[in-house]
């Protein structure tokens, strides 16, 4: 493509200065410069019909530069003596300590629904088939069991929620004797 190579010879040095000045890294600017050239080549004969090849090349260079800078994540070196801050697990993870006792306090029907569907991962369809229920009946049973489990957890373990509805804190209860 003679028109691409001609435009490239005329504007390459100017594009290089433009990219180096704005990118700040010579190697990164060279990468962008090559990408501009590849984009021009990718246009094929269409590039020959561009009214202002210089403007086209600079527009592509600006767009590539913006894309590269958006993707760049600034890194700040951390001091060597920085202490590691322990990350506390979410309160909801520790709530499992209350689960055995509260499950034991639920009815056998609710305990079965929670255990099979939520703890063992059985689908509602498989749960319905196992108990000889319709799918809507199985879904309702699981939903009601979850609501009763939540109410028992809130009452028995004094679970509190934050503004987003997430478990923020609770009072752990040891398992009941024999559980």
C-alpha atoms as a PDB file:
ATOM      1  CA  UNK A   1       0.000   0.000   0.000  1.00  0.00           C
ATOM      2  CA  UNK A   2       1.923   2.910  -1.275  1.00  0.00           C
ATOM      3  CA  UNK A   3      -0.454   5.511   0.207  1.00  0.00           C
ATOM      4  CA  UNK A   4       0.052   4.034   3.711  1.00  0.00           C
ATOM      5  CA  UNK A   5       3.834   3.969   3.452  1.00  0.00           C
ATOM      6  CA  UNK A   6       3.911   7.508   1.999  1.00  0.00           C
ATOM      7  CA  UNK A   7       1.733   8.887   4.804  1.00  0.00           C
ATOM      8  CA  UNK A   8       3.789   6.966   7.304  1.00  0.00           C
ATOM      9  CA  UNK A   9       7.093   8.410   6.067  1.00  0.00           C
ATOM     10  CA  UNK A  10       5.673  11.937   6.203  1.00  0.00           C
ATOM     11  CA  UNK A  11       4.181  11.697   9.709  1.00  0.00           C
ATOM     12  CA  UNK A  12       6.074   8.997  11.637  1.00  0.00           C
ATOM     13  CA  UNK A  13       8.549  11.341  13.351  1.00  0.00           C
ATOM     14  CA  UNK A  14       5.812  13.751  14.365  1.00  0.00           C
ATOM     15  CA  UNK A  15       3.633  10.905  15.682  1.00  0.00           C
ATOM     16  CA  UNK A  16       6.596   9.498  17.639  1.00  0.00           C
ATOM     17  CA  UNK A  17       7.224  12.869  19.338  1.00  0.00           C
ATOM     18  CA  UNK A  18       3.519  13.242  20.080  1.00  0.00           C
ATOM     19  CA  UNK A  19       3.272   9.781  21.691  1.00  0.00           C
ATOM     20  CA  UNK A  20       6.544  10.049  23.630  1.00  0.00           C
ATOM     21  CA  UNK A  21       5.534  13.433  25.019  1.00  0.00           C
ATOM     22  CA  UNK A  22       2.109  12.226  26.171  1.00  0.00           C
ATOM     23  CA  UNK A  23       2.961   8.666  27.182  1.00  0.00           C
ATOM     24  CA  UNK A  24       6.125   9.470  29.107  1.00  0.00           C
ATOM     25  CA  UNK A  25       7.643   6.055  28.417  1.00  0.00           C
ATOM     26  CA  UNK A  26       9.691   5.685  25.225  1.00  0.00           C
ATOM     27  CA  UNK A  27       9.105   1.936  24.920  1.00  0.00           C
ATOM     28  CA  UNK A  28       5.368   2.326  25.468  1.00  0.00           C
ATOM     29  CA  UNK A  29       5.245   5.137  22.917  1.00  0.00           C
ATOM     30  CA  UNK A  30       7.038   2.917  20.379  1.00  0.00           C
ATOM     31  CA  UNK A  31       4.495   0.163  20.968  1.00  0.00           C
ATOM     32  CA  UNK A  32       1.673   2.608  20.352  1.00  0.00           C
ATOM     33  CA  UNK A  33       3.399   3.939  17.233  1.00  0.00           C
ATOM     34  CA  UNK A  34       3.596   0.426  15.800  1.00  0.00           C
ATOM     35  CA  UNK A  35      -0.061  -0.135  16.647  1.00  0.00           C
ATOM     36  CA  UNK A  36      -0.997   3.040  14.736  1.00  0.00           C
ATOM     37  CA  UNK A  37       0.917   1.761  11.719  1.00  0.00           C
ATOM     38  CA  UNK A  38      -0.802  -1.632  11.957  1.00  0.00           C
ATOM     39  CA  UNK A  39      -4.193   0.051  12.110  1.00  0.00           C
ATOM     40  CA  UNK A  40      -3.347   2.079   8.999  1.00  0.00           C
ATOM     41  CA  UNK A  41      -2.265  -1.087   7.198  1.00  0.00           C
ATOM     42  CA  UNK A  42      -5.451  -2.792   8.342  1.00  0.00           C
ATOM     43  CA  UNK A  43      -7.476  -0.181   6.482  1.00  0.00           C
ATOM     44  CA  UNK A  44      -6.042  -1.457   3.200  1.00  0.00           C
ATOM     45  CA  UNK A  45      -7.175   0.538   0.201  1.00  0.00           C
ATOM     46  CA  UNK A  46      -9.619   2.400   2.437  1.00  0.00           C
ATOM     47  CA  UNK A  47      -6.720   4.376   3.880  1.00  0.00           C
ATOM     48  CA  UNK A  48      -5.994   5.757   0.389  1.00  0.00           C
ATOM     49  CA  UNK A  49      -9.434   7.388   0.339  1.00  0.00           C
ATOM     50  CA  UNK A  50      -8.924   9.211   3.663  1.00  0.00           C
ATOM     51  CA  UNK A  51      -9.064  12.945   2.978  1.00  0.00           C
ATOM     52  CA  UNK A  52      -6.503  13.860   5.636  1.00  0.00           C
ATOM     53  CA  UNK A  53      -4.163  10.944   6.450  1.00  0.00           C
ATOM     54  CA  UNK A  54      -2.267  12.985   9.077  1.00  0.00           C
ATOM     55  CA  UNK A  55      -5.468  13.734  11.015  1.00  0.00           C
ATOM     56  CA  UNK A  56      -6.515  10.079  10.748  1.00  0.00           C
ATOM     57  CA  UNK A  57      -3.143   8.865  12.081  1.00  0.00           C
ATOM     58  CA  UNK A  58      -3.214  11.324  14.977  1.00  0.00           C
ATOM     59  CA  UNK A  59      -6.798  10.421  15.859  1.00  0.00           C
ATOM     60  CA  UNK A  60      -5.902   6.731  15.984  1.00  0.00           C
ATOM     61  CA  UNK A  61      -2.798   7.569  18.059  1.00  0.00           C
ATOM     62  CA  UNK A  62      -4.908   9.595  20.537  1.00  0.00           C
ATOM     63  CA  UNK A  63      -7.489   6.828  20.843  1.00  0.00           C
ATOM     64  CA  UNK A  64      -4.828   4.172  21.430  1.00  0.00           C
ATOM     65  CA  UNK A  65      -3.109   6.386  24.001  1.00  0.00           C
ATOM     66  CA  UNK A  66      -6.352   6.964  25.880  1.00  0.00           C
ATOM     67  CA  UNK A  67      -7.129   3.236  25.851  1.00  0.00           C
ATOM     68  CA  UNK A  68      -3.651   2.381  27.132  1.00  0.00           C
ATOM     69  CA  UNK A  69      -3.813   4.981  29.901  1.00  0.00           C
ATOM     70  CA  UNK A  70      -7.246   3.816  31.002  1.00  0.00           C
ATOM     71  CA  UNK A  71      -5.986   0.269  31.338  1.00  0.00           C
ATOM     72  CA  UNK A  72      -2.846   1.286  33.195  1.00  0.00           C
ATOM     73  CA  UNK A  73      -3.210   0.787  36.900  1.00  0.00           C
ATOM     74  CA  UNK A  74      -0.928   3.040  38.879  1.00  0.00           C
ATOM     75  CA  UNK A  75       1.307   1.133  41.238  1.00  0.00           C
ATOM     76  CA  UNK A  76       2.711   2.578  44.400  1.00  0.00           C
ATOM     77  CA  UNK A  77       5.588   0.732  46.018  1.00  0.00           C
ATOM     78  CA  UNK A  78       4.868  -0.258  49.588  1.00  0.00           C
ATOM     79  CA  UNK A  79       7.457   0.191  52.316  1.00  0.00           C
ATOM     80  CA  UNK A  80       9.239  -2.990  53.369  1.00  0.00           C
ATOM     81  CA  UNK A  81       8.348  -2.499  57.038  1.00  0.00           C
ATOM     82  CA  UNK A  82       4.604  -2.278  56.411  1.00  0.00           C
ATOM     83  CA  UNK A  83       2.782  -4.520  58.867  1.00  0.00           C
ATOM     84  CA  UNK A  84       0.281  -6.989  57.491  1.00  0.00           C
ATOM     85  CA  UNK A  85      -3.229  -6.114  58.590  1.00  0.00           C
ATOM     86  CA  UNK A  86      -5.206  -9.216  59.487  1.00  0.00           C
ATOM     87  CA  UNK A  87      -8.494  -9.452  57.634  1.00  0.00           C
ATOM     88  CA  UNK A  88     -11.366 -10.619  59.771  1.00  0.00           C
ATOM     89  CA  UNK A  89     -13.685 -13.094  58.067  1.00  0.00           C
ATOM     90  CA  UNK A  90     -17.180 -11.786  57.358  1.00  0.00           C
ATOM     91  CA  UNK A  91     -19.527 -12.176  60.306  1.00  0.00           C
ATOM     92  CA  UNK A  92     -21.816 -14.404  58.277  1.00  0.00           C
ATOM     93  CA  UNK A  93     -19.017 -17.011  57.983  1.00  0.00           C
ATOM     94  CA  UNK A  94     -18.729 -17.275  61.762  1.00  0.00           C
ATOM     95  CA  UNK A  95     -22.507 -17.550  62.026  1.00  0.00           C
ATOM     96  CA  UNK A  96     -22.177 -21.224  61.086  1.00  0.00           C
ATOM     97  CA  UNK A  97     -21.300 -21.829  64.749  1.00  0.00           C
ATOM     98  CA  UNK A  98     -24.944 -21.106  65.593  1.00  0.00           C
ATOM     99  CA  UNK A  99     -26.348 -23.261  62.810  1.00  0.00           C
ATOM    100  CA  UNK A 100     -26.287 -26.768  64.398  1.00  0.00           C
ATOM    101  CA  UNK A 101     -28.196 -25.668  67.483  1.00  0.00           C
ATOM    102  CA  UNK A 102     -30.746 -23.607  65.546  1.00  0.00           C
ATOM    103  CA  UNK A 103     -31.252 -26.391  62.989  1.00  0.00           C
ATOM    104  CA  UNK A 104     -31.935 -28.813  65.831  1.00  0.00           C
ATOM    105  CA  UNK A 105     -34.665 -26.458  67.092  1.00  0.00           C
ATOM    106  CA  UNK A 106     -36.504 -26.443  63.740  1.00  0.00           C
ATOM    107  CA  UNK A 107     -39.232 -28.908  62.815  1.00  0.00           C
ATOM    108  CA  UNK A 108     -38.130 -32.113  61.068  1.00  0.00           C
ATOM    109  CA  UNK A 109     -39.745 -30.878  57.829  1.00  0.00           C
ATOM    110  CA  UNK A 110     -37.859 -27.533  57.894  1.00  0.00           C
ATOM    111  CA  UNK A 111     -34.604 -29.210  58.913  1.00  0.00           C
ATOM    112  CA  UNK A 112     -34.933 -31.674  56.007  1.00  0.00           C
ATOM    113  CA  UNK A 113     -35.580 -28.880  53.474  1.00  0.00           C
ATOM    114  CA  UNK A 114     -32.623 -26.798  54.680  1.00  0.00           C
ATOM    115  CA  UNK A 115     -30.273 -29.764  54.951  1.00  0.00           C
ATOM    116  CA  UNK A 116     -31.077 -31.267  51.554  1.00  0.00           C
ATOM    117  CA  UNK A 117     -31.384 -28.097  49.472  1.00  0.00           C
ATOM    118  CA  UNK A 118     -29.009 -25.636  51.130  1.00  0.00           C
ATOM    119  CA  UNK A 119     -26.388 -27.754  52.836  1.00  0.00           C
ATOM    120  CA  UNK A 120     -26.250 -30.747  50.469  1.00  0.00           C
ATOM    121  CA  UNK A 121     -27.047 -28.809  47.281  1.00  0.00           C
ATOM    122  CA  UNK A 122     -30.049 -30.803  46.099  1.00  0.00           C
ATOM    123  CA  UNK A 123     -32.054 -28.955  43.434  1.00  0.00           C
ATOM    124  CA  UNK A 124     -35.669 -28.019  44.169  1.00  0.00           C
ATOM    125  CA  UNK A 125     -36.756 -30.378  41.380  1.00  0.00           C
ATOM    126  CA  UNK A 126     -34.856 -33.314  42.922  1.00  0.00           C
ATOM    127  CA  UNK A 127     -36.191 -32.351  46.362  1.00  0.00           C
ATOM    128  CA  UNK A 128     -39.745 -32.344  44.981  1.00  0.00           C
ATOM    129  CA  UNK A 129     -39.274 -35.759  43.348  1.00  0.00           C
ATOM    130  CA  UNK A 130     -37.712 -37.247  46.496  1.00  0.00           C
ATOM    131  CA  UNK A 131     -40.694 -36.144  48.644  1.00  0.00           C
ATOM    132  CA  UNK A 132     -43.385 -36.675  45.996  1.00  0.00           C
ATOM    133  CA  UNK A 133     -44.252 -32.972  45.854  1.00  0.00           C
ATOM    134  CA  UNK A 134     -44.950 -30.665  42.957  1.00  0.00           C
ATOM    135  CA  UNK A 135     -42.136 -28.262  42.112  1.00  0.00           C
ATOM    136  CA  UNK A 136     -44.082 -25.192  43.348  1.00  0.00           C
ATOM    137  CA  UNK A 137     -44.844 -26.985  46.636  1.00  0.00           C
ATOM    138  CA  UNK A 138     -41.170 -27.891  47.096  1.00  0.00           C
ATOM    139  CA  UNK A 139     -40.087 -24.300  46.389  1.00  0.00           C
ATOM    140  CA  UNK A 140     -42.615 -22.993  48.915  1.00  0.00           C
ATOM    141  CA  UNK A 141     -41.485 -25.497  51.546  1.00  0.00           C
ATOM    142  CA  UNK A 142     -37.820 -24.496  51.132  1.00  0.00           C
ATOM    143  CA  UNK A 143     -38.695 -20.789  51.188  1.00  0.00           C
ATOM    144  CA  UNK A 144     -40.768 -21.125  54.358  1.00  0.00           C
ATOM    145  CA  UNK A 145     -38.038 -23.232  56.019  1.00  0.00           C
ATOM    146  CA  UNK A 146     -35.443 -20.568  55.196  1.00  0.00           C
ATOM    147  CA  UNK A 147     -37.666 -17.847  56.657  1.00  0.00           C
ATOM    148  CA  UNK A 148     -38.119 -19.831  59.891  1.00  0.00           C
ATOM    149  CA  UNK A 149     -34.360 -20.562  60.049  1.00  0.00           C
ATOM    150  CA  UNK A 150     -33.600 -16.871  59.661  1.00  0.00           C
ATOM    151  CA  UNK A 151     -36.109 -15.925  62.359  1.00  0.00           C
ATOM    152  CA  UNK A 152     -34.594 -18.518  64.753  1.00  0.00           C
ATOM    153  CA  UNK A 153     -31.040 -17.300  63.999  1.00  0.00           C
ATOM    154  CA  UNK A 154     -32.060 -13.707  64.665  1.00  0.00           C
ATOM    155  CA  UNK A 155     -33.759 -14.649  67.916  1.00  0.00           C
ATOM    156  CA  UNK A 156     -31.420 -17.329  69.243  1.00  0.00           C
ATOM    157  CA  UNK A 157     -28.085 -15.845  68.167  1.00  0.00           C
ATOM    158  CA  UNK A 158     -29.124 -12.182  68.294  1.00  0.00           C
ATOM    159  CA  UNK A 159     -28.130 -11.651  64.664  1.00  0.00           C
ATOM    160  CA  UNK A 160     -28.085  -8.014  63.542  1.00  0.00           C
ATOM    161  CA  UNK A 161     -27.920  -6.683  59.996  1.00  0.00           C
ATOM    162  CA  UNK A 162     -26.217  -3.630  58.519  1.00  0.00           C
ATOM    163  CA  UNK A 163     -27.878  -1.069  56.227  1.00  0.00           C
ATOM    164  CA  UNK A 164     -27.210  -3.302  53.194  1.00  0.00           C
ATOM    165  CA  UNK A 165     -29.014  -6.236  54.828  1.00  0.00           C
ATOM    166  CA  UNK A 166     -25.786  -8.177  55.454  1.00  0.00           C
ATOM    167  CA  UNK A 167     -25.036  -9.923  58.739  1.00  0.00           C
ATOM    168  CA  UNK A 168     -22.890  -7.532  60.744  1.00  0.00           C
ATOM    169  CA  UNK A 169     -22.749  -9.202  64.142  1.00  0.00           C
ATOM    170  CA  UNK A 170     -24.264 -11.834  66.404  1.00  0.00           C
ATOM    171  CA  UNK A 171     -23.862 -13.559  69.759  1.00  0.00           C
ATOM    172  CA  UNK A 172     -22.552 -17.098  69.327  1.00  0.00           C
ATOM    173  CA  UNK A 173     -24.423 -19.918  71.031  1.00  0.00           C
ATOM    174  CA  UNK A 174     -22.764 -23.219  71.775  1.00  0.00           C
ATOM    175  CA  UNK A 175     -24.415 -26.332  70.401  1.00  0.00           C
ATOM    176  CA  UNK A 176     -27.091 -27.840  72.599  1.00  0.00           C
ATOM    177  CA  UNK A 177     -26.083 -30.919  74.533  1.00  0.00           C
ATOM    178  CA  UNK A 178     -26.417 -34.014  72.376  1.00  0.00           C
ATOM    179  CA  UNK A 179     -26.314 -32.074  69.063  1.00  0.00           C
END
